Amino acid sequence: QVQLVESGGGLVQTGGSLRLSCAASGRTFTVYSMGWFRQAPGKEREFVAGIKWRSGSTYYADSVKGRFTISRDNAKNTMYLQMNSLKPEDTAVYYCARTPTTIIIPTMTRDYDYWGQGTQVTVSS
């Protein structure tokens, strides 16, 4: 079992920044790759960014490329999402998730087996 807990969400104005954290506990030695997803009201959950835990290789959705940065601290078993130049369309509940896939960073929710409870990010215009 792997437990994931997100934090760092909140209300920010357009152009502002937030940093989300995702702390992993439990059988963390089984962590392979992790990702951030988001879900806006009335929309499907979508991939935002992912990172391979061992190598640190990253992958981003086009909508956040150049504005968001995903990173991890192996010693703390914690993943981060630095979000800059936030836009109202970034408003959503943000989730972190773990995937046992190691070859690629998957972008589909079905490829992730453990999820956090989510943290709300609201960007005001």
C-alpha atoms as a PDB file:
ATOM      1  CA  GLN A   1       0.000   0.000   0.000  1.00  0.00           C
ATOM      2  CA  VAL A   2       1.100   3.536  -0.808  1.00  0.00           C
ATOM      3  CA  GLN A   3      -0.482   6.591   0.763  1.00  0.00           C
ATOM      4  CA  LEU A   4      -0.330   9.954  -1.002  1.00  0.00           C
ATOM      5  CA  VAL A   5      -1.192  13.274   0.607  1.00  0.00           C
ATOM      6  CA  GLU A   6      -1.284  16.531  -1.358  1.00  0.00           C
ATOM      7  CA  SER A   7      -0.909  19.998   0.110  1.00  0.00           C
ATOM      8  CA  GLY A   8      -0.224  23.544  -1.012  1.00  0.00           C
ATOM      9  CA  GLY A   9      -3.384  24.434  -2.880  1.00  0.00           C
ATOM     10  CA  GLY A  10      -5.168  27.727  -2.427  1.00  0.00           C
ATOM     11  CA  LEU A  11      -6.471  30.896  -4.019  1.00  0.00           C
ATOM     12  CA  VAL A  12      -4.145  32.986  -6.166  1.00  0.00           C
ATOM     13  CA  GLN A  13      -4.540  35.791  -8.695  1.00  0.00           C
ATOM     14  CA  THR A  14      -3.799  35.439 -12.389  1.00  0.00           C
ATOM     15  CA  GLY A  15      -0.066  35.456 -12.934  1.00  0.00           C
ATOM     16  CA  GLY A  16       0.667  34.212  -9.437  1.00  0.00           C
ATOM     17  CA  SER A  17       2.434  31.090  -8.253  1.00  0.00           C
ATOM     18  CA  LEU A  18       1.766  28.114  -6.033  1.00  0.00           C
ATOM     19  CA  ARG A  19       3.769  25.039  -5.095  1.00  0.00           C
ATOM     20  CA  LEU A  20       1.987  21.775  -4.512  1.00  0.00           C
ATOM     21  CA  SER A  21       3.492  18.935  -2.519  1.00  0.00           C
ATOM     22  CA  CYS A  22       2.687  15.234  -2.520  1.00  0.00           C
ATOM     23  CA  ALA A  23       4.046  13.192   0.360  1.00  0.00           C
ATOM     24  CA  ALA A  24       4.258   9.436  -0.163  1.00  0.00           C
ATOM     25  CA  SER A  25       4.262   6.928   2.667  1.00  0.00           C
ATOM     26  CA  GLY A  26       3.802   3.221   3.101  1.00  0.00           C
ATOM     27  CA  ARG A  27       5.522   0.926   0.647  1.00  0.00           C
ATOM     28  CA  THR A  28       7.396   3.784  -0.977  1.00  0.00           C
ATOM     29  CA  PHE A  29      10.172   1.503  -2.153  1.00  0.00           C
ATOM     30  CA  THR A  30       7.688   0.427  -4.795  1.00  0.00           C
ATOM     31  CA  VAL A  31       7.356   3.944  -6.193  1.00  0.00           C
ATOM     32  CA  TYR A  32       8.193   3.916  -9.878  1.00  0.00           C
ATOM     33  CA  SER A  33       6.845   7.060 -11.503  1.00  0.00           C
ATOM     34  CA  MET A  34       4.434   9.660 -10.314  1.00  0.00           C
ATOM     35  CA  GLY A  35       2.212  12.225 -11.861  1.00  0.00           C
ATOM     36  CA  TRP A  36       0.036  15.240 -11.272  1.00  0.00           C
ATOM     37  CA  PHE A  37      -3.472  15.363 -12.663  1.00  0.00           C
ATOM     38  CA  ARG A  38      -6.203  17.946 -12.368  1.00  0.00           C
ATOM     39  CA  GLN A  39      -9.950  17.969 -12.657  1.00  0.00           C
ATOM     40  CA  ALA A  40     -12.055  21.057 -13.226  1.00  0.00           C
ATOM     41  CA  PRO A  41     -15.814  21.069 -12.536  1.00  0.00           C
ATOM     42  CA  GLY A  42     -17.685  19.229 -15.253  1.00  0.00           C
ATOM     43  CA  LYS A  43     -14.518  18.034 -16.948  1.00  0.00           C
ATOM     44  CA  GLU A  44     -12.566  14.812 -16.987  1.00  0.00           C
ATOM     45  CA  ARG A  45      -9.420  14.386 -14.992  1.00  0.00           C
ATOM     46  CA  GLU A  46      -6.429  15.318 -17.135  1.00  0.00           C
ATOM     47  CA  PHE A  47      -2.712  14.725 -17.016  1.00  0.00           C
ATOM     48  CA  VAL A  48      -0.559  17.689 -16.030  1.00  0.00           C
ATOM     49  CA  ALA A  49       2.980  16.407 -15.477  1.00  0.00           C
ATOM     50  CA  GLY A  50       4.883  13.263 -14.581  1.00  0.00           C
ATOM     51  CA  ILE A  51       8.280  12.256 -13.295  1.00  0.00           C
ATOM     52  CA  LYS A  52      10.264   9.039 -13.204  1.00  0.00           C
ATOM     53  CA  TRP A  53      11.271   8.571  -9.597  1.00  0.00           C
ATOM     54  CA  ARG A  54      14.737   7.132 -10.125  1.00  0.00           C
ATOM     55  CA  SER A  55      15.975   9.160 -13.088  1.00  0.00           C
ATOM     56  CA  GLY A  56      14.036  12.366 -12.572  1.00  0.00           C
ATOM     57  CA  SER A  57      12.947  12.430 -16.209  1.00  0.00           C
ATOM     58  CA  THR A  58       9.882  14.578 -16.676  1.00  0.00           C
ATOM     59  CA  TYR A  59       6.999  15.022 -19.084  1.00  0.00           C
ATOM     60  CA  TYR A  60       4.436  17.819 -19.301  1.00  0.00           C
ATOM     61  CA  ALA A  61       1.099  18.464 -20.883  1.00  0.00           C
ATOM     62  CA  ASP A  62       1.338  21.141 -23.561  1.00  0.00           C
ATOM     63  CA  SER A  63      -1.021  23.377 -21.606  1.00  0.00           C
ATOM     64  CA  VAL A  64       1.442  23.775 -18.726  1.00  0.00           C
ATOM     65  CA  LYS A  65       4.800  23.408 -20.466  1.00  0.00           C
ATOM     66  CA  GLY A  66       7.071  26.300 -19.611  1.00  0.00           C
ATOM     67  CA  ARG A  67       4.931  27.376 -16.643  1.00  0.00           C
ATOM     68  CA  PHE A  68       4.890  24.325 -14.352  1.00  0.00           C
ATOM     69  CA  THR A  69       7.839  22.362 -13.037  1.00  0.00           C
ATOM     70  CA  ILE A  70       7.620  18.919 -11.494  1.00  0.00           C
ATOM     71  CA  SER A  71      10.332  17.674  -9.165  1.00  0.00           C
ATOM     72  CA  ARG A  72      10.923  15.154  -6.400  1.00  0.00           C
ATOM     73  CA  ASP A  73      12.950  14.745  -3.251  1.00  0.00           C
ATOM     74  CA  ASN A  74      13.894  11.089  -2.949  1.00  0.00           C
ATOM     75  CA  ALA A  75      15.008  11.389   0.656  1.00  0.00           C
ATOM     76  CA  LYS A  76      11.660  12.862   1.695  1.00  0.00           C
ATOM     77  CA  ASN A  77       9.556  10.701  -0.636  1.00  0.00           C
ATOM     78  CA  THR A  78       7.898  13.908  -1.743  1.00  0.00           C
ATOM     79  CA  MET A  79       6.957  15.221  -5.161  1.00  0.00           C
ATOM     80  CA  TYR A  80       6.373  18.866  -6.005  1.00  0.00           C
ATOM     81  CA  LEU A  81       4.620  20.896  -8.654  1.00  0.00           C
ATOM     82  CA  GLN A  82       5.791  24.472  -8.965  1.00  0.00           C
ATOM     83  CA  MET A  83       3.123  26.417 -10.813  1.00  0.00           C
ATOM     84  CA  ASN A  84       3.992  29.847 -12.196  1.00  0.00           C
ATOM     85  CA  SER A  85       2.114  32.292 -14.411  1.00  0.00           C
ATOM     86  CA  LEU A  86      -1.149  30.769 -13.309  1.00  0.00           C
ATOM     87  CA  LYS A  87      -4.249  31.329 -15.408  1.00  0.00           C
ATOM     88  CA  PRO A  88      -7.952  31.037 -14.536  1.00  0.00           C
ATOM     89  CA  GLU A  89      -8.118  27.907 -16.684  1.00  0.00           C
ATOM     90  CA  ASP A  90      -5.669  26.246 -14.283  1.00  0.00           C
ATOM     91  CA  THR A  91      -8.422  26.246 -11.660  1.00  0.00           C
ATOM     92  CA  ALA A  92      -9.089  22.642 -10.642  1.00  0.00           C
ATOM     93  CA  VAL A  93      -8.602  20.034  -7.978  1.00  0.00           C
ATOM     94  CA  TYR A  94      -5.061  18.735  -8.338  1.00  0.00           C
ATOM     95  CA  TYR A  95      -4.253  15.106  -7.606  1.00  0.00           C
ATOM     96  CA  CYS A  96      -0.999  13.252  -7.316  1.00  0.00           C
ATOM     97  CA  ALA A  97      -0.819   9.622  -8.318  1.00  0.00           C
ATOM     98  CA  ARG A  98       1.589   6.695  -8.570  1.00  0.00           C
ATOM     99  CA  THR A  99       2.103   4.402 -11.490  1.00  0.00           C
ATOM    100  CA  PRO A 100       4.068   1.150 -11.510  1.00  0.00           C
ATOM    101  CA  THR A 101       5.043   1.862 -15.115  1.00  0.00           C
ATOM    102  CA  THR A 102       8.739   2.613 -15.457  1.00  0.00           C
ATOM    103  CA  ILE A 103       9.437   2.704 -19.183  1.00  0.00           C
ATOM    104  CA  ILE A 104       7.321   5.732 -19.983  1.00  0.00           C
ATOM    105  CA  ILE A 105       5.362   8.324 -18.072  1.00  0.00           C
ATOM    106  CA  PRO A 106       1.743   7.468 -18.830  1.00  0.00           C
ATOM    107  CA  THR A 107      -0.845  10.182 -19.268  1.00  0.00           C
ATOM    108  CA  MET A 108      -3.993   8.099 -18.785  1.00  0.00           C
ATOM    109  CA  THR A 109      -5.631   7.844 -15.370  1.00  0.00           C
ATOM    110  CA  ARG A 110      -6.131   4.099 -15.790  1.00  0.00           C
ATOM    111  CA  ASP A 111      -2.367   3.556 -15.657  1.00  0.00           C
ATOM    112  CA  TYR A 112      -2.119   4.962 -12.115  1.00  0.00           C
ATOM    113  CA  ASP A 113      -3.009   2.808  -9.142  1.00  0.00           C
ATOM    114  CA  TYR A 114      -2.667   5.037  -6.076  1.00  0.00           C
ATOM    115  CA  TRP A 115      -4.161   8.509  -5.756  1.00  0.00           C
ATOM    116  CA  GLY A 116      -4.157  11.307  -3.238  1.00  0.00           C
ATOM    117  CA  GLN A 117      -7.286  13.039  -2.008  1.00  0.00           C
ATOM    118  CA  GLY A 118      -6.697  16.189  -4.050  1.00  0.00           C
ATOM    119  CA  THR A 119      -6.035  19.825  -3.287  1.00  0.00           C
ATOM    120  CA  GLN A 120      -8.005  22.765  -4.676  1.00  0.00           C
ATOM    121  CA  VAL A 121      -6.270  25.401  -6.781  1.00  0.00           C
ATOM    122  CA  THR A 122      -8.301  28.471  -7.669  1.00  0.00           C
ATOM    123  CA  VAL A 123      -6.956  31.206  -9.918  1.00  0.00           C
ATOM    124  CA  SER A 124      -8.945  34.410  -9.920  1.00  0.00           C
ATOM    125  CA  SER A 125      -9.061  36.736 -12.907  1.00  0.00           C
END
